[in-house]
PDB file of N, CA and C in Angstrom:
ATOM      1  N   GLY A   1     -33.925   1.323  21.711  1.00  0.00           N
ATOM      2  CA  GLY A   1     -33.613   0.059  22.245  1.00  0.00           C
ATOM      3  C   GLY A   1     -32.696  -0.736  21.320  1.00  0.00           C
ATOM      4  N   VAL A   2     -32.969  -2.017  21.281  1.00  0.00           N
ATOM      5  CA  VAL A   2     -32.136  -2.951  20.537  1.00  0.00           C
ATOM      6  C   VAL A   2     -32.244  -2.699  19.038  1.00  0.00           C
ATOM      7  N   HIS A   3     -33.436  -2.367  18.555  1.00  0.00           N
ATOM      8  CA  HIS A   3     -33.603  -2.149  17.115  1.00  0.00           C
ATOM      9  C   HIS A   3     -32.753  -0.977  16.630  1.00  0.00           C
ATOM     10  N   ARG A   4     -32.575   0.046  17.468  1.00  0.00           N
ATOM     11  CA  ARG A   4     -31.752   1.187  17.090  1.00  0.00           C
ATOM     12  C   ARG A   4     -30.275   0.776  17.030  1.00  0.00           C
ATOM     13  N   GLN A   5     -29.831  -0.059  17.960  1.00  0.00           N
ATOM     14  CA  GLN A   5     -28.445  -0.539  17.957  1.00  0.00           C
ATOM     15  C   GLN A   5     -28.164  -1.397  16.724  1.00  0.00           C
ATOM     16  N   ILE A   6     -29.117  -2.244  16.367  1.00  0.00           N
ATOM     17  CA  ILE A   6     -28.946  -3.078  15.166  1.00  0.00           C
ATOM     18  C   ILE A   6     -28.899  -2.200  13.919  1.00  0.00           C
ATOM     19  N   LEU A   7     -29.773  -1.185  13.853  1.00  0.00           N
ATOM     20  CA  LEU A   7     -29.782  -0.268  12.719  1.00  0.00           C
ATOM     21  C   LEU A   7     -28.456   0.477  12.607  1.00  0.00           C
ATOM     22  N   LEU A   8     -27.952   1.003  13.719  1.00  0.00           N
ATOM     23  CA  LEU A   8     -26.695   1.749  13.679  1.00  0.00           C
ATOM     24  C   LEU A   8     -25.508   0.844  13.375  1.00  0.00           C
ATOM     25  N   ALA A   9     -25.523  -0.384  13.871  1.00  0.00           N
ATOM     26  CA  ALA A   9     -24.442  -1.324  13.556  1.00  0.00           C
ATOM     27  C   ALA A   9     -24.442  -1.655  12.069  1.00  0.00           C
ATOM     28  N   THR A  10     -25.625  -1.874  11.509  1.00  0.00           N
ATOM     29  CA  THR A  10     -25.734  -2.149  10.078  1.00  0.00           C
ATOM     30  C   THR A  10     -25.282  -0.944   9.264  1.00  0.00           C
ATOM     31  N   LEU A  11     -25.679   0.238   9.659  1.00  0.00           N
ATOM     32  CA  LEU A  11     -25.271   1.456   8.972  1.00  0.00           C
ATOM     33  C   LEU A  11     -23.754   1.642   9.067  1.00  0.00           C
ATOM     34  N   GLY A  12     -23.170   1.377  10.231  1.00  0.00           N
ATOM     35  CA  GLY A  12     -21.723   1.485  10.405  1.00  0.00           C
ATOM     36  C   GLY A  12     -20.967   0.504   9.525  1.00  0.00           C
ATOM     37  N   CYS A  13     -21.470  -0.727   9.425  1.00  0.00           N
ATOM     38  CA  CYS A  13     -20.829  -1.717   8.551  1.00  0.00           C
ATOM     39  C   CYS A  13     -20.895  -1.274   7.096  1.00  0.00           C
ATOM     40  N   PHE A  14     -22.026  -0.754   6.676  1.00  0.00           N
ATOM     41  CA  PHE A  14     -22.192  -0.308   5.291  1.00  0.00           C
ATOM     42  C   PHE A  14     -21.261   0.863   4.981  1.00  0.00           C
ATOM     43  N   VAL A  15     -21.231   1.859   5.863  1.00  0.00           N
ATOM     44  CA  VAL A  15     -20.373   3.026   5.641  1.00  0.00           C
ATOM     45  C   VAL A  15     -18.902   2.600   5.664  1.00  0.00           C
ATOM     46  N   GLY A  16     -18.522   1.729   6.596  1.00  0.00           N
ATOM     47  CA  GLY A  16     -17.143   1.245   6.660  1.00  0.00           C
ATOM     48  C   GLY A  16     -16.749   0.495   5.405  1.00  0.00           C
ATOM     49  N   TYR A  17     -17.647  -0.330   4.899  1.00  0.00           N
ATOM     50  CA  TYR A  17     -17.377  -1.072   3.671  1.00  0.00           C
ATOM     51  C   TYR A  17     -17.154  -0.121   2.496  1.00  0.00           C
ATOM     52  N   GLN A  18     -17.996   0.904   2.410  1.00  0.00           N
ATOM     53  CA  GLN A  18     -17.862   1.860   1.313  1.00  0.00           C
ATOM     54  C   GLN A  18     -16.562   2.650   1.420  1.00  0.00           C
ATOM     55  N   LEU A  19     -16.154   3.005   2.634  1.00  0.00           N
ATOM     56  CA  LEU A  19     -14.907   3.742   2.818  1.00  0.00           C
ATOM     57  C   LEU A  19     -13.692   2.888   2.451  1.00  0.00           C
ATOM     58  N   VAL A  20     -13.704   1.624   2.840  1.00  0.00           N
ATOM     59  CA  VAL A  20     -12.600   0.723   2.496  1.00  0.00           C
ATOM     60  C   VAL A  20     -12.541   0.521   0.987  1.00  0.00           C
ATOM     61  N   LYS A  21     -13.707   0.361   0.378  1.00  0.00           N
ATOM     62  CA  LYS A  21     -13.768   0.183  -1.077  1.00  0.00           C
ATOM     63  C   LYS A  21     -13.218   1.406  -1.803  1.00  0.00           C
ATOM     64  N   ARG A  22     -13.560   2.600  -1.332  1.00  0.00           N
ATOM     65  CA  ARG A  22     -13.056   3.827  -1.954  1.00  0.00           C
ATOM     66  C   ARG A  22     -11.552   3.974  -1.763  1.00  0.00           C
ATOM     67  N   ALA A  23     -11.045   3.637  -0.576  1.00  0.00           N
ATOM     68  CA  ALA A  23      -9.607   3.736  -0.322  1.00  0.00           C
ATOM     69  C   ALA A  23      -8.840   2.777  -1.223  1.00  0.00           C
ATOM     70  N   GLU A  24      -9.346   1.554  -1.386  1.00  0.00           N
ATOM     71  CA  GLU A  24      -8.686   0.591  -2.271  1.00  0.00           C
ATOM     72  C   GLU A  24      -8.714   1.073  -3.720  1.00  0.00           C
ATOM     73  N   TYR A  25      -9.807   1.702  -4.131  1.00  0.00           N
ATOM     74  CA  TYR A  25      -9.896   2.256  -5.486  1.00  0.00           C
ATOM     75  C   TYR A  25      -8.866   3.357  -5.690  1.00  0.00           C
ATOM     76  N   MET A  26      -8.738   4.244  -4.714  1.00  0.00           N
ATOM     77  CA  MET A  26      -7.783   5.350  -4.837  1.00  0.00           C
ATOM     78  C   MET A  26      -6.348   4.823  -4.897  1.00  0.00           C
ATOM     79  N   HIS A  27      -6.012   3.817  -4.069  1.00  0.00           N
ATOM     80  CA  HIS A  27      -4.671   3.238  -4.107  1.00  0.00           C
ATOM     81  C   HIS A  27      -4.409   2.534  -5.440  1.00  0.00           C
ATOM     82  N   ALA A  28      -5.408   1.843  -5.963  1.00  0.00           N
ATOM     83  CA  ALA A  28      -5.252   1.170  -7.254  1.00  0.00           C
ATOM     84  C   ALA A  28      -5.062   2.188  -8.369  1.00  0.00           C
ATOM     85  N   LYS A  29      -5.753   3.304  -8.293  1.00  0.00           N
ATOM     86  CA  LYS A  29      -5.623   4.354  -9.297  1.00  0.00           C
ATOM     87  C   LYS A  29      -4.213   4.948  -9.288  1.00  0.00           C
ATOM     88  N   VAL A  30      -3.685   5.218  -8.104  1.00  0.00           N
ATOM     89  CA  VAL A  30      -2.323   5.752  -7.993  1.00  0.00           C
ATOM     90  C   VAL A  30      -1.313   4.738  -8.519  1.00  0.00           C
ATOM     91  N   ASP A  31      -1.477   3.462  -8.146  1.00  0.00           N
ATOM     92  CA  ASP A  31      -0.571   2.416  -8.632  1.00  0.00           C
ATOM     93  C   ASP A  31      -0.601   2.328 -10.156  1.00  0.00           C
ATOM     94  N   ARG A  32      -1.795   2.386 -10.720  1.00  0.00           N
ATOM     95  CA  ARG A  32      -1.929   2.298 -12.175  1.00  0.00           C
ATOM     96  C   ARG A  32      -1.222   3.473 -12.860  1.00  0.00           C
ATOM     97  N   GLU A  33      -1.374   4.675 -12.305  1.00  0.00           N
ATOM     98  CA  GLU A  33      -0.709   5.848 -12.881  1.00  0.00           C
ATOM     99  C   GLU A  33       0.806   5.740 -12.770  1.00  0.00           C
ATOM    100  N   LEU A  34       1.295   5.261 -11.628  1.00  0.00           N
ATOM    101  CA  LEU A  34       2.745   5.126 -11.455  1.00  0.00           C
ATOM    102  C   LEU A  34       3.330   4.077 -12.393  1.00  0.00           C
ATOM    103  N   PHE A  35       2.663   2.938 -12.521  1.00  0.00           N
ATOM    104  CA  PHE A  35       3.160   1.895 -13.416  1.00  0.00           C
ATOM    105  C   PHE A  35       3.134   2.358 -14.873  1.00  0.00           C
ATOM    106  N   GLU A  36       2.121   3.145 -15.226  1.00  0.00           N
ATOM    107  CA  GLU A  36       2.047   3.686 -16.584  1.00  0.00           C
ATOM    108  C   GLU A  36       3.196   4.654 -16.826  1.00  0.00           C
ATOM    109  N   TYR A  37       3.510   5.487 -15.830  1.00  0.00           N
ATOM    110  CA  TYR A  37       4.631   6.422 -15.956  1.00  0.00           C
ATOM    111  C   TYR A  37       5.948   5.662 -16.091  1.00  0.00           C
ATOM    112  N   ILE A  38       6.130   4.635 -15.293  1.00  0.00           N
ATOM    113  CA  ILE A  38       7.360   3.829 -15.360  1.00  0.00           C
ATOM    114  C   ILE A  38       7.475   3.162 -16.719  1.00  0.00           C
ATOM    115  N   LYS A  39       6.347   2.703 -17.266  1.00  0.00           N
ATOM    116  CA  LYS A  39       6.370   2.043 -18.570  1.00  0.00           C
ATOM    117  C   LYS A  39       6.737   3.016 -19.685  1.00  0.00           C
ATOM    118  N   HIS A  40       6.308   4.271 -19.578  1.00  0.00           N
ATOM    119  CA  HIS A  40       6.594   5.261 -20.622  1.00  0.00           C
ATOM    120  C   HIS A  40       7.952   5.935 -20.468  1.00  0.00           C
ATOM    121  N   HIS A  41       8.579   5.828 -19.282  1.00  0.00           N
ATOM    122  CA  HIS A  41       9.876   6.454 -19.029  1.00  0.00           C
ATOM    123  C   HIS A  41      10.869   5.422 -18.492  1.00  0.00           C
ATOM    124  N   PRO A  42      11.252   4.428 -19.293  1.00  0.00           N
ATOM    125  CA  PRO A  42      12.150   3.375 -18.789  1.00  0.00           C
ATOM    126  C   PRO A  42      13.566   3.880 -18.514  1.00  0.00           C
ATOM    127  N   VAL A  43      13.946   5.002 -19.088  1.00  0.00           N
ATOM    128  CA  VAL A  43      15.303   5.530 -18.862  1.00  0.00           C
ATOM    129  C   VAL A  43      15.455   5.998 -17.413  1.00  0.00           C
ATOM    130  N   ASP A  44      14.393   6.514 -16.835  1.00  0.00           N
ATOM    131  CA  ASP A  44      14.446   7.010 -15.463  1.00  0.00           C
ATOM    132  C   ASP A  44      14.497   5.885 -14.428  1.00  0.00           C
ATOM    133  N   PHE A  45      14.135   4.668 -14.819  1.00  0.00           N
ATOM    134  CA  PHE A  45      14.069   3.543 -13.891  1.00  0.00           C
ATOM    135  C   PHE A  45      14.837   2.356 -14.469  1.00  0.00           C
ATOM    136  N   PRO A  46      16.168   2.387 -14.367  1.00  0.00           N
ATOM    137  CA  PRO A  46      16.940   1.270 -14.929  1.00  0.00           C
ATOM    138  C   PRO A  46      16.728  -0.007 -14.109  1.00  0.00           C
ATOM    139  N   ALA A  47      16.698  -1.121 -14.802  1.00  0.00           N
ATOM    140  CA  ALA A  47      16.536  -2.408 -14.133  1.00  0.00           C
ATOM    141  C   ALA A  47      17.872  -2.824 -13.517  1.00  0.00           C
ATOM    142  N   SER A  48      17.833  -3.195 -12.276  1.00  0.00           N
ATOM    143  CA  SER A  48      19.051  -3.625 -11.589  1.00  0.00           C
ATOM    144  C   SER A  48      19.352  -5.071 -11.984  1.00  0.00           C
ATOM    145  N   THR A  49      20.516  -5.292 -12.577  1.00  0.00           N
ATOM    146  CA  THR A  49      20.854  -6.627 -13.049  1.00  0.00           C
ATOM    147  C   THR A  49      21.510  -7.467 -11.960  1.00  0.00           C
ATOM    148  N   GLU A  50      22.264  -6.834 -11.067  1.00  0.00           N
ATOM    149  CA  GLU A  50      22.933  -7.612 -10.029  1.00  0.00           C
ATOM    150  C   GLU A  50      22.093  -7.608  -8.752  1.00  0.00           C
ATOM    151  N   LYS A  51      22.007  -8.762  -8.133  1.00  0.00           N
ATOM    152  CA  LYS A  51      21.260  -8.874  -6.892  1.00  0.00           C
ATOM    153  C   LYS A  51      22.219  -8.669  -5.725  1.00  0.00           C
ATOM    154  N   LYS A  52      21.767  -7.918  -4.738  1.00  0.00           N
ATOM    155  CA  LYS A  52      22.588  -7.674  -3.564  1.00  0.00           C
ATOM    156  C   LYS A  52      22.275  -8.718  -2.508  1.00  0.00           C
ATOM    157  N   ARG A  53      23.305  -9.067  -1.759  1.00  0.00           N
ATOM    158  CA  ARG A  53      23.107  -9.990  -0.648  1.00  0.00           C
ATOM    159  C   ARG A  53      22.631  -9.208   0.564  1.00  0.00           C
ATOM    160  N   ILE A  54      22.050  -9.900   1.514  1.00  0.00           N
ATOM    161  CA  ILE A  54      21.503  -9.252   2.694  1.00  0.00           C
ATOM    162  C   ILE A  54      22.595  -8.546   3.488  1.00  0.00           C
ATOM    163  N   GLY A  55      23.814  -9.073   3.471  1.00  0.00           N
ATOM    164  CA  GLY A  55      24.928  -8.443   4.176  1.00  0.00           C
ATOM    165  C   GLY A  55      25.328  -7.110   3.563  1.00  0.00           C
ATOM    166  N   GLN A  56      25.082  -6.927   2.279  1.00  0.00           N
ATOM    167  CA  GLN A  56      25.401  -5.663   1.630  1.00  0.00           C
ATOM    168  C   GLN A  56      24.341  -4.599   1.925  1.00  0.00           C
ATOM    169  N   LEU A  57      23.134  -5.022   2.244  1.00  0.00           N
ATOM    170  CA  LEU A  57      22.055  -4.080   2.513  1.00  0.00           C
ATOM    171  C   LEU A  57      22.074  -3.556   3.943  1.00  0.00           C
ATOM    172  N   LEU A  58      22.463  -4.420   4.891  1.00  0.00           N
ATOM    173  CA  LEU A  58      22.440  -4.041   6.299  1.00  0.00           C
ATOM    174  C   LEU A  58      23.761  -3.418   6.726  1.00  0.00           C
ATOM    175  N   GLU A  59      23.679  -2.545   7.708  1.00  0.00           N
ATOM    176  CA  GLU A  59      24.886  -1.945   8.264  1.00  0.00           C
ATOM    177  C   GLU A  59      25.555  -2.937   9.208  1.00  0.00           C
ATOM    178  N   ASP A  60      26.841  -2.729   9.443  1.00  0.00           N
ATOM    179  CA  ASP A  60      27.564  -3.585  10.389  1.00  0.00           C
ATOM    180  C   ASP A  60      27.051  -3.338  11.798  1.00  0.00           C
ATOM    181  N   PHE A  61      26.975  -4.403  12.586  1.00  0.00           N
ATOM    182  CA  PHE A  61      26.476  -4.295  13.958  1.00  0.00           C
ATOM    183  C   PHE A  61      27.652  -4.088  14.892  1.00  0.00           C
ATOM    184  N   HIS A  62      27.581  -3.026  15.688  1.00  0.00           N
ATOM    185  CA  HIS A  62      28.591  -2.725  16.676  1.00  0.00           C
ATOM    186  C   HIS A  62      27.896  -2.592  18.026  1.00  0.00           C
ATOM    187  N   PRO A  63      28.075  -3.569  18.925  1.00  0.00           N
ATOM    188  CA  PRO A  63      27.394  -3.498  20.213  1.00  0.00           C
ATOM    189  C   PRO A  63      27.915  -2.331  21.053  1.00  0.00           C
ATOM    190  N   ILE A  64      27.032  -1.734  21.846  1.00  0.00           N
ATOM    191  CA  ILE A  64      27.408  -0.580  22.648  1.00  0.00           C
ATOM    192  C   ILE A  64      28.238  -0.991  23.860  1.00  0.00           C
ATOM    193  N   ARG A  65      27.915  -2.112  24.486  1.00  0.00           N
ATOM    194  CA  ARG A  65      28.631  -2.526  25.696  1.00  0.00           C
ATOM    195  C   ARG A  65      29.826  -3.357  25.391  1.00  0.00           C
TER     196      ARG A  65
END
């Protein structure tokens, strides 16, 4: 009955929370490793000194009709 639905809803919330927490941990771990690699290999990742304008990033628009 209702008690089983409440139990399963509570269990689903708990399992979902744990899965989201684990996914965030895994993403944070990957980010930390990548930032550490970038910090130890600055030659591979040069800092861009000039800023590009939005017109330089986008392609020219040519309407079809």
